[in-house]
Amino acid sequence: MFPKNAWYNAGWDYMFTQSQKNGLTQSKGSLVARKIAGERVVVYRKPTGQIVAMEDRCPHRQAALSLGQKEGDGIRCLYHGMRFGADGKCNEIPGQETIPERACVRVFPVVEKDNWVWVWMGDPAKADEKLIPHAVGPGDPDWNVKTSHMSVNASFRLEIANLADLTHLVWIHKESLGAGDKVSRERFTSIKPKFTMFPNAMRTQYVVRGAPPSVFLQHLFPEGALFDWDFDIMHTLPCTWVLHFKIFVSDGKLEGEPTGQLVAETWTCQAVTPRDDDSVDYYYSWGASKSTDFPGLSQLLCDNLDDAFSEDRQALEAQHVRMKERPNHPMVDIIHDAGPGKMLWLLDKVLKDEAKQAAMAVA
């Protein structure tokens, strides 16, 4: 169901602190429990600040290590007090001097980049940091980026399909990211994207020309204002979606690069992390360049994502329930399925290749 040899997003760096008590409702000792691609993971920081990710399962009786406590670089299990170092090896069993060789916990490669924490769920020898998708985080000095997150009770395949097709902006998001007017619907439903495929990603580029501003931005512009919207999206497996989005005053042209005045240049970086077959964690951001930002714009952008993704969540959760009820129900493909079809084909190819490699390793 999920690629193993891949970097998965565990959340924003500020979610993992040294504090014993804080406003992020973390477990005791800042041990943060995550479920990533079906695996229980506990994430924490050493006193030096370095991130550690290990299996959230004591080898004694499968107690949750995330309910234990930090001790120096390691964790002590709450059940019988077994202590594990950051390398996953047990280094103390209260009441017992001999430590069994098998008393160890799996440790995952983990990297902080662009204010995100990435965990490698597969073969540690294949954990190449160059495979981590490019993003623009709130720590970038040239951008005013705001962050948020939510959970969705739906399959991450549905999230992949949703992100690979933005024509739904004028339907699901007609009161937020999109607009419900006739011109906006015509412009978005006639998008002709350029797709560029990579071994684990798809780049999508297109320009929506002569369209009104999104509903949430309309109060900032005079009535009748039209803009050219430039989209450049890198969609990377398992599911990271990074959009370089620019807005220009409409130049009246039907094709070519927009030449009107640049109104805003922004990045929105989004990561969907599957917990299991039925739920995902969604970490996302949006913000403008310092050169095009003005007071309140970047916060307005990110706040609107909260509203828009709540709209997506309602739609996707209802869709997920129905697909679980009737998994073999016949479905009809339409023109807007091109992007989702390519991304899901890429996902299935990666899964088949991993299964083939696993079978060869056993043979």
Protein backbone atom coordinates (compact mmCIF):
# COMPACT_ATOMS: atom_id res chain seq x y z
CA MET A 1 0.00 0.00 0.00
CA PHE A 2 2.80 2.44 0.89
CA PRO A 3 6.29 2.83 -0.60
CA LYS A 4 8.92 1.87 1.96
CA ASN A 5 12.08 3.37 0.50
CA ALA A 6 10.89 6.95 0.74
CA TRP A 7 11.05 10.01 2.99
CA TYR A 8 7.85 10.67 4.92
CA ASN A 9 7.01 13.93 6.63
CA ALA A 10 6.58 13.69 10.41
CA GLY A 11 5.62 17.35 10.88
CA TRP A 12 6.97 20.85 11.35
CA ASP A 13 10.17 21.24 13.38
CA TYR A 14 8.38 23.29 16.08
CA MET A 15 6.23 20.25 16.91
CA PHE A 16 9.25 18.55 18.50
CA THR A 17 10.55 20.46 21.51
CA GLN A 18 12.68 19.99 24.58
CA SER A 19 9.89 21.13 26.89
CA GLN A 20 8.33 18.73 29.36
CA LYS A 21 5.09 20.72 29.22
CA ASN A 22 4.00 22.89 26.32
CA GLY A 23 1.01 24.05 24.33
CA LEU A 24 1.36 21.40 21.63
CA THR A 25 -0.31 18.70 23.78
CA GLN A 26 2.67 16.39 23.35
CA SER A 27 3.20 13.32 25.50
CA LYS A 28 5.26 13.42 28.67
CA GLY A 29 8.88 14.38 28.07
CA SER A 30 8.14 15.66 24.56
CA LEU A 31 7.93 12.17 23.13
CA VAL A 32 5.78 12.63 20.04
CA ALA A 33 3.82 9.63 18.78
CA ARG A 34 3.29 9.30 15.05
CA LYS A 35 1.90 6.61 12.78
CA ILE A 36 3.65 6.74 9.41
CA ALA A 37 2.81 4.39 6.53
CA GLY A 38 1.40 1.84 8.96
CA GLU A 39 4.36 1.97 11.38
CA ARG A 40 4.26 3.30 14.96
CA VAL A 41 7.05 5.85 15.42
CA VAL A 42 8.13 7.97 18.40
CA VAL A 43 10.02 11.16 17.62
CA TYR A 44 11.99 13.27 20.10
CA ARG A 45 15.00 15.55 20.47
CA LYS A 46 18.23 14.81 22.25
CA PRO A 47 19.51 17.51 24.65
CA THR A 48 21.66 18.69 21.74
CA GLY A 49 18.51 19.28 19.68
CA GLN A 50 19.18 16.44 17.26
CA ILE A 51 16.03 14.57 16.19
CA VAL A 52 15.62 10.83 16.86
CA ALA A 53 12.92 8.57 15.38
CA MET A 54 12.45 4.99 16.57
CA GLU A 55 9.74 2.37 16.57
CA ASP A 56 7.13 3.18 19.20
CA ARG A 57 7.07 -0.35 20.54
CA CYS A 58 9.05 -1.82 23.43
CA PRO A 59 10.51 -5.25 22.51
CA HIS A 60 9.49 -6.63 25.91
CA ARG A 61 5.66 -6.53 25.71
CA GLN A 62 4.98 -3.96 22.97
CA ALA A 63 4.30 -1.09 25.37
CA ALA A 64 4.20 2.36 23.77
CA LEU A 65 7.59 4.02 24.27
CA SER A 66 5.92 7.37 23.57
CA LEU A 67 4.18 7.01 26.94
CA GLY A 68 7.51 6.69 28.71
CA GLN A 69 10.02 9.42 29.48
CA LYS A 70 13.16 10.89 28.03
CA GLU A 71 16.43 10.25 29.85
CA GLY A 72 19.39 12.02 28.29
CA ASP A 73 19.68 10.84 24.70
CA GLY A 74 17.29 7.93 25.18
CA ILE A 75 13.88 6.73 26.36
CA ARG A 76 12.77 4.75 29.38
CA CYS A 77 9.70 2.53 28.89
CA LEU A 78 6.82 3.24 31.29
CA TYR A 79 5.94 -0.45 31.75
CA HIS A 80 8.99 -2.08 33.37
CA GLY A 81 11.57 0.68 33.12
CA MET A 82 13.73 -0.70 30.30
CA ARG A 83 15.93 2.10 28.94
CA PHE A 84 16.92 2.47 25.29
CA GLY A 85 19.63 4.67 23.85
CA ALA A 86 19.22 6.81 20.74
CA ASP A 87 20.72 3.88 18.78
CA GLY A 88 17.73 1.74 19.81
CA LYS A 89 19.77 -0.63 22.00
CA CYS A 90 18.59 -1.40 25.51
CA ASN A 91 21.21 -0.24 28.03
CA GLU A 92 19.40 -0.95 31.30
CA ILE A 93 16.81 -3.42 32.64
CA PRO A 94 15.91 -2.66 36.27
CA GLY A 95 16.41 -5.78 38.40
CA GLN A 96 18.39 -7.62 35.71
CA GLU A 97 22.08 -7.31 34.87
CA THR A 98 22.13 -9.27 31.62
CA ILE A 99 20.64 -7.50 28.62
CA PRO A 100 19.43 -9.80 25.83
CA GLU A 101 20.94 -9.04 22.43
CA ARG A 102 17.46 -8.84 20.93
CA ALA A 103 16.43 -6.13 23.38
CA CYS A 104 16.60 -3.34 20.84
CA VAL A 105 14.25 -1.05 18.95
CA ARG A 106 14.33 -0.14 15.27
CA VAL A 107 15.73 3.34 14.62
CA PHE A 108 14.78 5.25 11.48
CA PRO A 109 16.97 7.71 9.54
CA VAL A 110 15.64 11.21 10.19
CA VAL A 111 16.51 14.61 8.69
CA GLU A 112 15.39 18.19 9.34
CA LYS A 113 15.11 20.26 6.17
CA ASP A 114 13.13 23.38 5.25
CA ASN A 115 11.57 23.32 8.75
CA TRP A 116 10.12 19.87 8.13
CA VAL A 117 11.15 16.61 9.83
CA TRP A 118 11.59 13.71 7.40
CA VAL A 119 11.67 10.01 8.37
CA TRP A 120 12.94 7.23 6.07
CA MET A 121 10.75 4.16 6.48
CA GLY A 122 12.70 1.67 4.35
CA ASP A 123 16.21 0.23 4.08
CA PRO A 124 18.52 2.64 5.98
CA ALA A 125 21.30 2.01 3.46
CA LYS A 126 19.12 3.61 0.76
CA ALA A 127 18.26 6.74 2.76
CA ASP A 128 19.58 9.40 0.38
CA GLU A 129 18.93 12.97 1.60
CA LYS A 130 19.00 14.16 -2.02
CA LEU A 131 15.60 12.45 -2.45
CA ILE A 132 13.94 14.85 0.02
CA PRO A 133 11.68 17.15 -2.03
CA HIS A 134 12.55 20.83 -2.35
CA ALA A 135 10.39 23.17 -0.28
CA VAL A 136 10.39 26.71 1.09
CA GLY A 137 9.95 26.76 4.86
CA PRO A 138 9.24 29.53 7.35
CA GLY A 139 12.96 29.75 8.10
CA ASP A 140 13.76 31.01 4.58
CA PRO A 141 14.77 34.69 4.91
CA ASP A 142 13.35 35.66 1.51
CA TRP A 143 9.81 34.43 2.16
CA ASN A 144 7.12 35.10 4.77
CA VAL A 145 5.77 31.57 5.19
CA LYS A 146 3.02 30.56 7.62
CA THR A 147 2.32 26.94 8.58
CA SER A 148 -0.59 24.76 9.64
CA HIS A 149 -1.71 21.12 9.74
CA MET A 150 -4.75 18.85 10.03
CA SER A 151 -5.75 15.18 9.94
CA VAL A 152 -8.08 13.62 7.38
CA ASN A 153 -9.88 10.28 7.65
CA ALA A 154 -9.39 9.27 4.03
CA SER A 155 -6.99 7.23 1.92
CA PHE A 156 -3.82 9.00 0.85
CA ARG A 157 -4.54 7.81 -2.70
CA LEU A 158 -7.56 10.11 -2.65
CA GLU A 159 -5.34 12.94 -1.43
CA ILE A 160 -2.88 12.28 -4.25
CA ALA A 161 -5.67 12.42 -6.81
CA ASN A 162 -7.14 15.54 -5.24
CA LEU A 163 -3.83 17.43 -5.38
CA ALA A 164 -3.10 16.33 -8.94
CA ASP A 165 -6.22 18.06 -10.28
CA LEU A 166 -6.99 21.72 -9.49
CA THR A 167 -10.05 22.05 -11.69
CA HIS A 168 -12.07 21.26 -8.57
CA LEU A 169 -11.16 24.71 -7.17
CA VAL A 170 -14.22 26.24 -8.82
CA TRP A 171 -16.52 23.60 -7.34
CA ILE A 172 -15.42 22.38 -3.90
CA HIS A 173 -13.58 25.65 -3.19
CA LYS A 174 -15.90 28.13 -4.89
CA GLU A 175 -16.16 30.09 -1.61
CA SER A 176 -12.45 30.00 -0.71
CA LEU A 177 -9.50 29.23 -3.01
CA GLY A 178 -11.57 29.45 -6.17
CA ALA A 179 -14.58 31.37 -7.39
CA GLY A 180 -18.01 30.26 -8.49
CA ASP A 181 -18.53 32.78 -11.29
CA LYS A 182 -18.98 31.73 -14.91
CA VAL A 183 -15.62 33.13 -16.08
CA SER A 184 -13.61 31.30 -13.38
CA ARG A 185 -15.38 28.01 -14.11
CA GLU A 186 -14.71 28.35 -17.83
CA ARG A 187 -11.04 29.20 -17.27
CA PHE A 188 -10.32 26.36 -14.81
CA THR A 189 -12.28 23.65 -16.59
CA SER A 190 -10.40 24.41 -19.83
CA ILE A 191 -6.91 24.11 -18.31
CA LYS A 192 -4.42 22.34 -20.59
CA PRO A 193 -1.53 21.49 -18.25
CA LYS A 194 1.97 20.52 -19.31
CA PHE A 195 3.08 17.35 -17.51
CA THR A 196 6.74 16.38 -17.06
CA MET A 197 7.30 12.94 -15.53
CA PHE A 198 10.20 11.84 -13.30
CA PRO A 199 10.89 8.46 -11.62
CA ASN A 200 9.15 9.54 -8.42
CA ALA A 201 7.48 12.85 -9.29
CA MET A 202 5.37 14.84 -11.74
CA ARG A 203 5.79 18.50 -12.64
CA THR A 204 2.62 20.31 -13.74
CA GLN A 205 2.65 23.76 -15.36
CA TYR A 206 -0.14 25.95 -16.68
CA VAL A 207 -1.48 29.50 -16.67
CA VAL A 208 -5.10 30.44 -15.95
CA ARG A 209 -5.67 33.64 -17.93
CA GLY A 210 -8.03 36.55 -17.40
CA ALA A 211 -9.66 35.18 -14.25
CA PRO A 212 -11.11 37.10 -11.29
CA PRO A 213 -9.28 36.83 -7.95
CA SER A 214 -10.18 34.02 -5.56
CA VAL A 215 -13.15 34.75 -3.30
CA PHE A 216 -10.92 35.19 -0.25
CA LEU A 217 -8.86 37.85 -2.07
CA GLN A 218 -11.62 39.77 -3.84
CA HIS A 219 -11.88 42.44 -1.15
CA LEU A 220 -8.29 43.50 -1.93
CA PHE A 221 -8.99 44.46 -5.57
CA PRO A 222 -11.43 46.68 -7.49
CA GLU A 223 -14.50 45.05 -9.01
CA GLY A 224 -13.83 43.63 -12.44
CA ALA A 225 -10.08 43.14 -11.89
CA LEU A 226 -8.67 40.22 -13.89
CA PHE A 227 -5.43 38.33 -13.38
CA ASP A 228 -3.20 35.70 -14.97
CA TRP A 229 -2.45 32.89 -12.50
CA ASP A 230 0.82 31.04 -13.05
CA PHE A 231 1.08 27.51 -11.58
CA ASP A 232 4.31 25.49 -11.36
CA ILE A 233 3.77 22.35 -9.28
CA MET A 234 6.17 19.57 -8.25
CA HIS A 235 4.23 16.56 -6.95
CA THR A 236 6.58 13.99 -5.38
CA LEU A 237 5.89 10.52 -4.00
CA PRO A 238 4.80 9.40 -1.49
CA CYS A 239 2.85 12.68 -1.45
CA THR A 240 4.57 16.05 -1.28
CA TRP A 241 3.02 18.89 -3.28
CA VAL A 242 4.97 22.12 -3.76
CA LEU A 243 3.49 25.01 -5.76
CA HIS A 244 5.34 28.11 -6.95
CA PHE A 245 2.34 30.36 -7.56
CA LYS A 246 2.47 33.80 -9.13
CA ILE A 247 -0.30 36.30 -9.84
CA PHE A 248 -0.01 38.89 -12.61
CA VAL A 249 -2.31 41.65 -13.77
CA SER A 250 -3.93 40.14 -16.88
CA ASP A 251 -2.13 41.08 -20.10
CA GLY A 252 -5.05 40.02 -22.29
CA LYS A 253 -3.04 37.35 -24.08
CA LEU A 254 -4.21 33.80 -24.60
CA GLU A 255 -0.83 32.07 -24.44
CA GLY A 256 2.85 32.52 -23.61
CA GLU A 257 4.42 33.71 -20.37
CA PRO A 258 2.40 36.33 -18.46
CA THR A 259 3.76 39.86 -19.05
CA GLY A 260 1.50 41.92 -16.80
CA GLN A 261 2.55 43.47 -13.50
CA LEU A 262 3.53 40.92 -10.85
CA VAL A 263 1.06 41.23 -7.97
CA ALA A 264 2.22 38.36 -5.75
CA GLU A 265 4.82 35.60 -5.81
CA THR A 266 4.16 32.77 -3.36
CA TRP A 267 5.08 29.24 -2.35
CA THR A 268 2.70 26.74 -0.82
CA CYS A 269 4.37 23.52 0.39
CA GLN A 270 2.17 20.59 1.38
CA ALA A 271 2.97 17.11 2.65
CA VAL A 272 0.44 14.29 3.05
CA THR A 273 1.63 11.50 5.33
CA PRO A 274 -0.47 8.30 5.44
CA ARG A 275 -1.04 6.92 8.92
CA ASP A 276 -2.78 3.82 7.60
CA ASP A 277 -5.22 2.86 4.83
CA ASP A 278 -7.93 5.12 6.24
CA SER A 279 -6.26 8.30 7.49
CA VAL A 280 -3.52 10.85 6.81
CA ASP A 281 -1.74 13.72 8.49
CA TYR A 282 -1.52 16.88 6.38
CA TYR A 283 1.23 19.47 6.96
CA TYR A 284 1.08 22.62 4.83
CA SER A 285 2.15 26.23 4.44
CA TRP A 286 1.66 29.28 2.24
CA GLY A 287 3.45 32.59 2.07
CA ALA A 288 4.56 35.42 -0.18
CA SER A 289 8.01 36.65 -1.10
CA LYS A 290 9.30 39.50 1.03
CA SER A 291 9.37 41.63 -2.13
CA THR A 292 5.62 41.18 -2.86
CA ASP A 293 4.29 40.66 0.68
CA PHE A 294 2.30 43.28 2.56
CA PRO A 295 1.01 43.24 6.16
CA GLY A 296 -1.34 40.34 6.72
CA LEU A 297 -1.11 38.76 3.25
CA SER A 298 0.83 35.60 4.14
CA GLN A 299 -1.34 34.94 7.19
CA LEU A 300 -4.44 35.46 5.02
CA LEU A 301 -3.09 32.92 2.52
CA CYS A 302 -2.43 30.24 5.15
CA ASP A 303 -5.68 30.88 7.04
CA ASN A 304 -7.55 30.33 3.79
CA LEU A 305 -5.83 26.96 3.36
CA ASP A 306 -7.36 25.91 6.69
CA ASP A 307 -10.80 26.75 5.28
CA ALA A 308 -10.15 25.18 1.87
CA PHE A 309 -8.67 21.97 3.23
CA SER A 310 -11.61 21.62 5.60
CA GLU A 311 -13.75 21.68 2.45
CA ASP A 312 -11.50 19.01 0.92
CA ARG A 313 -11.62 16.97 4.11
CA GLN A 314 -15.42 16.87 4.09
CA ALA A 315 -15.49 15.78 0.45
CA LEU A 316 -12.66 13.22 0.70
CA GLU A 317 -13.90 11.62 3.91
CA ALA A 318 -17.34 11.12 2.37
CA GLN A 319 -15.74 9.75 -0.81
CA HIS A 320 -13.55 7.38 1.24
CA VAL A 321 -16.56 5.96 3.09
CA ARG A 322 -18.35 5.25 -0.17
CA MET A 323 -15.31 3.65 -1.81
CA LYS A 324 -14.86 1.40 1.24
CA GLU A 325 -18.51 0.37 0.99
CA ARG A 326 -18.26 -0.49 -2.70
CA PRO A 327 -14.61 -0.93 -3.70
CA ASN A 328 -15.51 -2.54 -7.03
CA HIS A 329 -18.17 -0.04 -8.01
CA PRO A 330 -17.65 1.00 -11.67
CA MET A 331 -16.34 4.54 -12.16
CA VAL A 332 -16.24 6.82 -15.21
CA ASP A 333 -13.06 8.64 -16.24
CA ILE A 334 -13.20 12.24 -17.48
CA ILE A 335 -10.67 14.68 -18.93
CA HIS A 336 -9.69 16.04 -15.50
CA ASP A 337 -8.38 12.62 -14.43
CA ALA A 338 -5.19 13.00 -16.49
CA GLY A 339 -3.03 14.32 -13.64
CA PRO A 340 -4.42 11.98 -10.95
CA GLY A 341 -4.07 9.03 -13.34
CA LYS A 342 -0.40 9.78 -13.97
CA MET A 343 0.43 10.16 -10.27
CA LEU A 344 -1.42 7.00 -9.22
CA TRP A 345 0.21 5.09 -12.07
CA LEU A 346 3.59 6.29 -10.79
CA LEU A 347 2.70 5.24 -7.24
CA ASP A 348 1.62 1.77 -8.37
CA LYS A 349 4.81 1.36 -10.41
CA VAL A 350 6.95 2.18 -7.37
CA LEU A 351 4.97 -0.29 -5.26
CA LYS A 352 5.35 -3.05 -7.88
CA ASP A 353 9.09 -2.40 -8.20
CA GLU A 354 9.55 -2.60 -4.42
CA ALA A 355 7.53 -5.82 -4.25
CA LYS A 356 9.63 -7.32 -7.04
CA GLN A 357 12.88 -6.35 -5.30
CA ALA A 358 11.64 -7.81 -2.01
CA ALA A 359 10.75 -11.09 -3.72
CA MET A 360 14.18 -11.28 -5.36
CA ALA A 361 15.87 -10.67 -2.00
CA VAL A 362 14.03 -13.62 -0.46
CA ALA A 363 14.65 -15.97 -3.40
